[in-house]
Amino acid sequence: MENNQEKKRSRSLHIQKTLPADIRSVWQAWTEPEKVMQWWGPDGFHTTIQVMEVQAGGLWRLVLQGPDGKRYPNKSLFE
């Protein structure tokens, strides 16, 4: 039987990417809602960020809206 830590690890996402940009610009692109909304999600989707608390224990709640109008709510926690 899986314990809670094993469940969390199985749902974790770790991304590493080298970008031709300075660290400040990358940080802003990932942490400022007005910038994140410009690129987050698949082509044709619109992103609305409701809460983005970029800190340990912080909440990130957003809604992706598809071209067909269907809404996809998302909730993430910063650990």
PDB file of N, CA and C in Angstrom:
ATOM      1  N   MET A   1       0.841  -1.184   0.000  1.00  0.00           N
ATOM      2  CA  MET A   1       0.000   0.000   0.000  1.00  0.00           C
ATOM      3  C   MET A   1       0.891   1.255   0.000  1.00  0.00           C
ATOM      4  N   GLU A   2       0.577   2.226  -0.840  1.00  0.00           N
ATOM      5  CA  GLU A   2       1.349   3.466  -0.928  1.00  0.00           C
ATOM      6  C   GLU A   2       1.094   4.346   0.281  1.00  0.00           C
ATOM      7  N   ASN A   3       2.151   4.990   0.792  1.00  0.00           N
ATOM      8  CA  ASN A   3       1.935   5.985   1.838  1.00  0.00           C
ATOM      9  C   ASN A   3       1.794   7.362   1.179  1.00  0.00           C
ATOM     10  N   ASN A   4       1.530   8.386   1.984  1.00  0.00           N
ATOM     11  CA  ASN A   4       1.291   9.730   1.427  1.00  0.00           C
ATOM     12  C   ASN A   4       2.492  10.283   0.674  1.00  0.00           C
ATOM     13  N   GLN A   5       3.716  10.046   1.177  1.00  0.00           N
ATOM     14  CA  GLN A   5       4.911  10.539   0.487  1.00  0.00           C
ATOM     15  C   GLN A   5       5.058   9.887  -0.880  1.00  0.00           C
ATOM     16  N   GLU A   6       4.809   8.593  -0.969  1.00  0.00           N
ATOM     17  CA  GLU A   6       4.900   7.905  -2.255  1.00  0.00           C
ATOM     18  C   GLU A   6       3.849   8.443  -3.224  1.00  0.00           C
ATOM     19  N   LYS A   7       2.646   8.722  -2.725  1.00  0.00           N
ATOM     20  CA  LYS A   7       1.592   9.288  -3.576  1.00  0.00           C
ATOM     21  C   LYS A   7       2.012  10.651  -4.102  1.00  0.00           C
ATOM     22  N   LYS A   8       2.588  11.498  -3.228  1.00  0.00           N
ATOM     23  CA  LYS A   8       3.024  12.820  -3.660  1.00  0.00           C
ATOM     24  C   LYS A   8       4.098  12.711  -4.738  1.00  0.00           C
ATOM     25  N   ARG A   9       5.082  11.832  -4.537  1.00  0.00           N
ATOM     26  CA  ARG A   9       6.151  11.670  -5.532  1.00  0.00           C
ATOM     27  C   ARG A   9       5.590  11.205  -6.865  1.00  0.00           C
ATOM     28  N   SER A  10       4.583  10.361  -6.838  1.00  0.00           N
ATOM     29  CA  SER A  10       4.034   9.853  -8.089  1.00  0.00           C
ATOM     30  C   SER A  10       3.271  10.929  -8.851  1.00  0.00           C
ATOM     31  N   ARG A  11       2.926  12.035  -8.183  1.00  0.00           N
ATOM     32  CA  ARG A  11       2.202  13.125  -8.836  1.00  0.00           C
ATOM     33  C   ARG A  11       3.065  14.369  -8.996  1.00  0.00           C
ATOM     34  N   SER A  12       4.351  14.243  -8.787  1.00  0.00           N
ATOM     35  CA  SER A  12       5.249  15.389  -8.882  1.00  0.00           C
ATOM     36  C   SER A  12       5.708  15.589 -10.322  1.00  0.00           C
ATOM     37  N   LEU A  13       5.980  16.837 -10.653  1.00  0.00           N
ATOM     38  CA  LEU A  13       6.470  17.190 -11.971  1.00  0.00           C
ATOM     39  C   LEU A  13       7.766  17.971 -11.795  1.00  0.00           C
ATOM     40  N   HIS A  14       8.839  17.488 -12.375  1.00  0.00           N
ATOM     41  CA  HIS A  14      10.130  18.155 -12.312  1.00  0.00           C
ATOM     42  C   HIS A  14      10.563  18.471 -13.737  1.00  0.00           C
ATOM     43  N   ILE A  15      10.837  19.761 -13.979  1.00  0.00           N
ATOM     44  CA  ILE A  15      11.193  20.202 -15.326  1.00  0.00           C
ATOM     45  C   ILE A  15      12.546  20.896 -15.275  1.00  0.00           C
ATOM     46  N   GLN A  16      13.392  20.596 -16.240  1.00  0.00           N
ATOM     47  CA  GLN A  16      14.670  21.278 -16.371  1.00  0.00           C
ATOM     48  C   GLN A  16      14.830  21.681 -17.824  1.00  0.00           C
ATOM     49  N   LYS A  17      15.169  22.945 -18.056  1.00  0.00           N
ATOM     50  CA  LYS A  17      15.310  23.454 -19.412  1.00  0.00           C
ATOM     51  C   LYS A  17      16.322  24.595 -19.400  1.00  0.00           C
ATOM     52  N   THR A  18      17.217  24.602 -20.348  1.00  0.00           N
ATOM     53  CA  THR A  18      18.161  25.698 -20.497  1.00  0.00           C
ATOM     54  C   THR A  18      17.574  26.668 -21.517  1.00  0.00           C
ATOM     55  N   LEU A  19      17.447  27.923 -21.126  1.00  0.00           N
ATOM     56  CA  LEU A  19      16.836  28.933 -21.991  1.00  0.00           C
ATOM     57  C   LEU A  19      17.843  30.022 -22.337  1.00  0.00           C
ATOM     58  N   PRO A  20      17.748  30.571 -23.543  1.00  0.00           N
ATOM     59  CA  PRO A  20      18.628  31.675 -23.929  1.00  0.00           C
ATOM     60  C   PRO A  20      18.069  33.004 -23.408  1.00  0.00           C
ATOM     61  N   ALA A  21      17.943  33.099 -22.078  1.00  0.00           N
ATOM     62  CA  ALA A  21      17.380  34.303 -21.458  1.00  0.00           C
ATOM     63  C   ALA A  21      18.017  34.493 -20.091  1.00  0.00           C
ATOM     64  N   ASP A  22      17.961  35.724 -19.597  1.00  0.00           N
ATOM     65  CA  ASP A  22      18.526  35.972 -18.278  1.00  0.00           C
ATOM     66  C   ASP A  22      17.556  35.456 -17.201  1.00  0.00           C
ATOM     67  N   ILE A  23      18.101  35.121 -16.050  1.00  0.00           N
ATOM     68  CA  ILE A  23      17.329  34.493 -14.976  1.00  0.00           C
ATOM     69  C   ILE A  23      16.166  35.369 -14.517  1.00  0.00           C
ATOM     70  N   ARG A  24      16.344  36.683 -14.506  1.00  0.00           N
ATOM     71  CA  ARG A  24      15.276  37.599 -14.069  1.00  0.00           C
ATOM     72  C   ARG A  24      14.056  37.497 -14.994  1.00  0.00           C
ATOM     73  N   SER A  25      14.293  37.489 -16.295  1.00  0.00           N
ATOM     74  CA  SER A  25      13.185  37.395 -17.259  1.00  0.00           C
ATOM     75  C   SER A  25      12.453  36.058 -17.137  1.00  0.00           C
ATOM     76  N   VAL A  26      13.221  34.977 -16.942  1.00  0.00           N
ATOM     77  CA  VAL A  26      12.595  33.656 -16.787  1.00  0.00           C
ATOM     78  C   VAL A  26      11.764  33.615 -15.506  1.00  0.00           C
ATOM     79  N   TRP A  27      12.311  34.147 -14.410  1.00  0.00           N
ATOM     80  CA  TRP A  27      11.578  34.173 -13.139  1.00  0.00           C
ATOM     81  C   TRP A  27      10.264  34.940 -13.307  1.00  0.00           C
ATOM     82  N   GLN A  28      10.300  36.089 -13.937  1.00  0.00           N
ATOM     83  CA  GLN A  28       9.091  36.877 -14.162  1.00  0.00           C
ATOM     84  C   GLN A  28       8.085  36.124 -15.022  1.00  0.00           C
ATOM     85  N   ALA A  29       8.555  35.448 -16.059  1.00  0.00           N
ATOM     86  CA  ALA A  29       7.658  34.711 -16.949  1.00  0.00           C
ATOM     87  C   ALA A  29       6.912  33.604 -16.217  1.00  0.00           C
ATOM     88  N   TRP A  30       7.540  33.041 -15.166  1.00  0.00           N
ATOM     89  CA  TRP A  30       6.929  31.941 -14.408  1.00  0.00           C
ATOM     90  C   TRP A  30       6.180  32.403 -13.160  1.00  0.00           C
ATOM     91  N   THR A  31       6.402  33.632 -12.693  1.00  0.00           N
ATOM     92  CA  THR A  31       5.845  34.044 -11.397  1.00  0.00           C
ATOM     93  C   THR A  31       4.906  35.242 -11.447  1.00  0.00           C
ATOM     94  N   GLU A  32       4.883  35.976 -12.527  1.00  0.00           N
ATOM     95  CA  GLU A  32       3.993  37.136 -12.637  1.00  0.00           C
ATOM     96  C   GLU A  32       2.767  36.744 -13.456  1.00  0.00           C
ATOM     97  N   PRO A  33       1.579  36.756 -12.817  1.00  0.00           N
ATOM     98  CA  PRO A  33       0.368  36.285 -13.499  1.00  0.00           C
ATOM     99  C   PRO A  33       0.147  36.895 -14.883  1.00  0.00           C
ATOM    100  N   GLU A  34       0.395  38.199 -15.034  1.00  0.00           N
ATOM    101  CA  GLU A  34       0.150  38.830 -16.338  1.00  0.00           C
ATOM    102  C   GLU A  34       1.087  38.286 -17.415  1.00  0.00           C
ATOM    103  N   LYS A  35       2.252  37.816 -17.024  1.00  0.00           N
ATOM    104  CA  LYS A  35       3.178  37.209 -17.993  1.00  0.00           C
ATOM    105  C   LYS A  35       2.837  35.738 -18.230  1.00  0.00           C
ATOM    106  N   VAL A  36       2.511  35.012 -17.172  1.00  0.00           N
ATOM    107  CA  VAL A  36       2.159  33.596 -17.296  1.00  0.00           C
ATOM    108  C   VAL A  36       0.954  33.428 -18.227  1.00  0.00           C
ATOM    109  N   MET A  37      -0.025  34.307 -18.104  1.00  0.00           N
ATOM    110  CA  MET A  37      -1.240  34.202 -18.922  1.00  0.00           C
ATOM    111  C   MET A  37      -0.956  34.352 -20.409  1.00  0.00           C
ATOM    112  N   GLN A  38       0.195  34.942 -20.767  1.00  0.00           N
ATOM    113  CA  GLN A  38       0.545  35.125 -22.184  1.00  0.00           C
ATOM    114  C   GLN A  38       1.015  33.837 -22.848  1.00  0.00           C
ATOM    115  N   TRP A  39       1.462  32.847 -22.055  1.00  0.00           N
ATOM    116  CA  TRP A  39       2.049  31.659 -22.680  1.00  0.00           C
ATOM    117  C   TRP A  39       1.558  30.328 -22.109  1.00  0.00           C
ATOM    118  N   TRP A  40       0.897  30.327 -20.977  1.00  0.00           N
ATOM    119  CA  TRP A  40       0.511  29.069 -20.332  1.00  0.00           C
ATOM    120  C   TRP A  40      -0.640  28.411 -21.076  1.00  0.00           C
ATOM    121  N   GLY A  41      -0.533  27.133 -21.321  1.00  0.00           N
ATOM    122  CA  GLY A  41      -1.618  26.364 -21.923  1.00  0.00           C
ATOM    123  C   GLY A  41      -1.411  26.116 -23.403  1.00  0.00           C
ATOM    124  N   PRO A  42      -2.197  25.202 -23.938  1.00  0.00           N
ATOM    125  CA  PRO A  42      -2.097  24.850 -25.358  1.00  0.00           C
ATOM    126  C   PRO A  42      -2.524  26.001 -26.267  1.00  0.00           C
ATOM    127  N   ASP A  43      -2.101  25.948 -27.518  1.00  0.00           N
ATOM    128  CA  ASP A  43      -2.533  26.941 -28.511  1.00  0.00           C
ATOM    129  C   ASP A  43      -4.052  26.972 -28.573  1.00  0.00           C
ATOM    130  N   GLY A  44      -4.604  28.170 -28.647  1.00  0.00           N
ATOM    131  CA  GLY A  44      -6.048  28.329 -28.754  1.00  0.00           C
ATOM    132  C   GLY A  44      -6.751  28.426 -27.406  1.00  0.00           C
ATOM    133  N   PHE A  45      -6.051  28.173 -26.315  1.00  0.00           N
ATOM    134  CA  PHE A  45      -6.632  28.250 -24.979  1.00  0.00           C
ATOM    135  C   PHE A  45      -6.343  29.607 -24.356  1.00  0.00           C
ATOM    136  N   HIS A  46      -7.207  30.014 -23.452  1.00  0.00           N
ATOM    137  CA  HIS A  46      -7.037  31.253 -22.702  1.00  0.00           C
ATOM    138  C   HIS A  46      -6.866  30.875 -21.234  1.00  0.00           C
ATOM    139  N   THR A  47      -5.917  31.516 -20.556  1.00  0.00           N
ATOM    140  CA  THR A  47      -5.642  31.235 -19.153  1.00  0.00           C
ATOM    141  C   THR A  47      -6.075  32.407 -18.293  1.00  0.00           C
ATOM    142  N   THR A  48      -6.836  32.127 -17.248  1.00  0.00           N
ATOM    143  CA  THR A  48      -7.200  33.121 -16.245  1.00  0.00           C
ATOM    144  C   THR A  48      -6.622  32.654 -14.913  1.00  0.00           C
ATOM    145  N   ILE A  49      -5.782  33.482 -14.301  1.00  0.00           N
ATOM    146  CA  ILE A  49      -5.192  33.136 -13.015  1.00  0.00           C
ATOM    147  C   ILE A  49      -5.997  33.818 -11.918  1.00  0.00           C
ATOM    148  N   GLN A  50      -6.506  33.007 -10.995  1.00  0.00           N
ATOM    149  CA  GLN A  50      -7.303  33.517  -9.883  1.00  0.00           C
ATOM    150  C   GLN A  50      -6.438  33.831  -8.673  1.00  0.00           C
ATOM    151  N   VAL A  51      -5.474  32.959  -8.377  1.00  0.00           N
ATOM    152  CA  VAL A  51      -4.556  33.128  -7.246  1.00  0.00           C
ATOM    153  C   VAL A  51      -3.191  32.607  -7.669  1.00  0.00           C
ATOM    154  N   MET A  52      -2.144  33.358  -7.342  1.00  0.00           N
ATOM    155  CA  MET A  52      -0.789  32.877  -7.615  1.00  0.00           C
ATOM    156  C   MET A  52       0.115  33.373  -6.501  1.00  0.00           C
ATOM    157  N   GLU A  53       0.258  32.552  -5.475  1.00  0.00           N
ATOM    158  CA  GLU A  53       1.072  32.870  -4.305  1.00  0.00           C
ATOM    159  C   GLU A  53       2.394  32.098  -4.421  1.00  0.00           C
ATOM    160  N   VAL A  54       3.384  32.724  -5.047  1.00  0.00           N
ATOM    161  CA  VAL A  54       4.652  32.052  -5.320  1.00  0.00           C
ATOM    162  C   VAL A  54       5.508  32.107  -4.047  1.00  0.00           C
ATOM    163  N   GLN A  55       5.260  31.131  -3.184  1.00  0.00           N
ATOM    164  CA  GLN A  55       6.008  30.982  -1.931  1.00  0.00           C
ATOM    165  C   GLN A  55       5.735  29.580  -1.400  1.00  0.00           C
ATOM    166  N   ALA A  56       6.591  29.107  -0.520  1.00  0.00           N
ATOM    167  CA  ALA A  56       6.379  27.780   0.068  1.00  0.00           C
ATOM    168  C   ALA A  56       5.006  27.728   0.724  1.00  0.00           C
ATOM    169  N   GLY A  57       4.211  26.717   0.358  1.00  0.00           N
ATOM    170  CA  GLY A  57       2.859  26.575   0.883  1.00  0.00           C
ATOM    171  C   GLY A  57       1.821  27.404   0.142  1.00  0.00           C
ATOM    172  N   GLY A  58       2.272  28.159  -0.875  1.00  0.00           N
ATOM    173  CA  GLY A  58       1.376  29.030  -1.625  1.00  0.00           C
ATOM    174  C   GLY A  58       0.477  28.269  -2.585  1.00  0.00           C
ATOM    175  N   LEU A  59      -0.606  28.900  -2.953  1.00  0.00           N
ATOM    176  CA  LEU A  59      -1.619  28.319  -3.827  1.00  0.00           C
ATOM    177  C   LEU A  59      -1.546  28.961  -5.206  1.00  0.00           C
ATOM    178  N   TRP A  60      -1.737  28.134  -6.237  1.00  0.00           N
ATOM    179  CA  TRP A  60      -1.871  28.634  -7.605  1.00  0.00           C
ATOM    180  C   TRP A  60      -3.152  28.035  -8.151  1.00  0.00           C
ATOM    181  N   ARG A  61      -4.123  28.891  -8.404  1.00  0.00           N
ATOM    182  CA  ARG A  61      -5.402  28.444  -8.942  1.00  0.00           C
ATOM    183  C   ARG A  61      -5.647  29.194 -10.244  1.00  0.00           C
ATOM    184  N   LEU A  62      -5.919  28.421 -11.297  1.00  0.00           N
ATOM    185  CA  LEU A  62      -6.161  29.020 -12.605  1.00  0.00           C
ATOM    186  C   LEU A  62      -7.235  28.231 -13.344  1.00  0.00           C
ATOM    187  N   VAL A  63      -7.742  28.834 -14.393  1.00  0.00           N
ATOM    188  CA  VAL A  63      -8.717  28.170 -15.261  1.00  0.00           C
ATOM    189  C   VAL A  63      -8.230  28.304 -16.697  1.00  0.00           C
ATOM    190  N   LEU A  64      -8.137  27.178 -17.378  1.00  0.00           N
ATOM    191  CA  LEU A  64      -7.871  27.176 -18.816  1.00  0.00           C
ATOM    192  C   LEU A  64      -9.218  27.096 -19.517  1.00  0.00           C
ATOM    193  N   GLN A  65      -9.398  27.900 -20.542  1.00  0.00           N
ATOM    194  CA  GLN A  65     -10.629  27.844 -21.317  1.00  0.00           C
ATOM    195  C   GLN A  65     -10.273  27.501 -22.750  1.00  0.00           C
ATOM    196  N   GLY A  66     -10.874  26.417 -23.237  1.00  0.00           N
ATOM    197  CA  GLY A  66     -10.603  25.948 -24.589  1.00  0.00           C
ATOM    198  C   GLY A  66     -11.324  26.761 -25.640  1.00  0.00           C
ATOM    199  N   PRO A  67     -10.945  26.581 -26.891  1.00  0.00           N
ATOM    200  CA  PRO A  67     -11.585  27.303 -27.987  1.00  0.00           C
ATOM    201  C   PRO A  67     -13.080  27.014 -28.081  1.00  0.00           C
ATOM    202  N   ASP A  68     -13.495  25.859 -27.554  1.00  0.00           N
ATOM    203  CA  ASP A  68     -14.914  25.502 -27.561  1.00  0.00           C
ATOM    204  C   ASP A  68     -15.671  26.064 -26.362  1.00  0.00           C
ATOM    205  N   GLY A  69     -14.967  26.819 -25.493  1.00  0.00           N
ATOM    206  CA  GLY A  69     -15.596  27.426 -24.325  1.00  0.00           C
ATOM    207  C   GLY A  69     -15.547  26.556 -23.073  1.00  0.00           C
ATOM    208  N   LYS A  70     -15.123  25.314 -23.203  1.00  0.00           N
ATOM    209  CA  LYS A  70     -15.046  24.438 -22.039  1.00  0.00           C
ATOM    210  C   LYS A  70     -13.953  24.935 -21.102  1.00  0.00           C
ATOM    211  N   ARG A  71     -14.263  24.908 -19.797  1.00  0.00           N
ATOM    212  CA  ARG A  71     -13.345  25.412 -18.780  1.00  0.00           C
ATOM    213  C   ARG A  71     -12.692  24.256 -18.024  1.00  0.00           C
ATOM    214  N   TYR A  72     -11.394  24.414 -17.742  1.00  0.00           N
ATOM    215  CA  TYR A  72     -10.611  23.403 -17.057  1.00  0.00           C
ATOM    216  C   TYR A  72      -9.951  24.027 -15.822  1.00  0.00           C
ATOM    217  N   PRO A  73     -10.575  23.939 -14.656  1.00  0.00           N
ATOM    218  CA  PRO A  73      -9.979  24.492 -13.446  1.00  0.00           C
ATOM    219  C   PRO A  73      -8.743  23.708 -13.018  1.00  0.00           C
ATOM    220  N   ASN A  74      -7.744  24.390 -12.508  1.00  0.00           N
ATOM    221  CA  ASN A  74      -6.499  23.781 -12.036  1.00  0.00           C
ATOM    222  C   ASN A  74      -6.154  24.338 -10.659  1.00  0.00           C
ATOM    223  N   LYS A  75      -5.564  23.486  -9.837  1.00  0.00           N
ATOM    224  CA  LYS A  75      -5.094  23.918  -8.527  1.00  0.00           C
ATOM    225  C   LYS A  75      -3.731  23.277  -8.283  1.00  0.00           C
ATOM    226  N   SER A  76      -2.759  24.093  -7.906  1.00  0.00           N
ATOM    227  CA  SER A  76      -1.417  23.616  -7.599  1.00  0.00           C
ATOM    228  C   SER A  76      -0.964  24.242  -6.293  1.00  0.00           C
ATOM    229  N   LEU A  77      -0.107  23.525  -5.574  1.00  0.00           N
ATOM    230  CA  LEU A  77       0.484  24.043  -4.346  1.00  0.00           C
ATOM    231  C   LEU A  77       1.987  24.114  -4.510  1.00  0.00           C
ATOM    232  N   PHE A  78       2.582  25.218  -4.068  1.00  0.00           N
ATOM    233  CA  PHE A  78       4.046  25.361  -4.096  1.00  0.00           C
ATOM    234  C   PHE A  78       4.599  24.736  -2.835  1.00  0.00           C
ATOM    235  N   GLU A  79       5.493  23.765  -2.983  1.00  0.00           N
ATOM    236  CA  GLU A  79       6.114  23.118  -1.825  1.00  0.00           C
ATOM    237  C   GLU A  79       7.518  23.620  -1.611  1.00  0.00           C
TER     238      GLU A  79
END
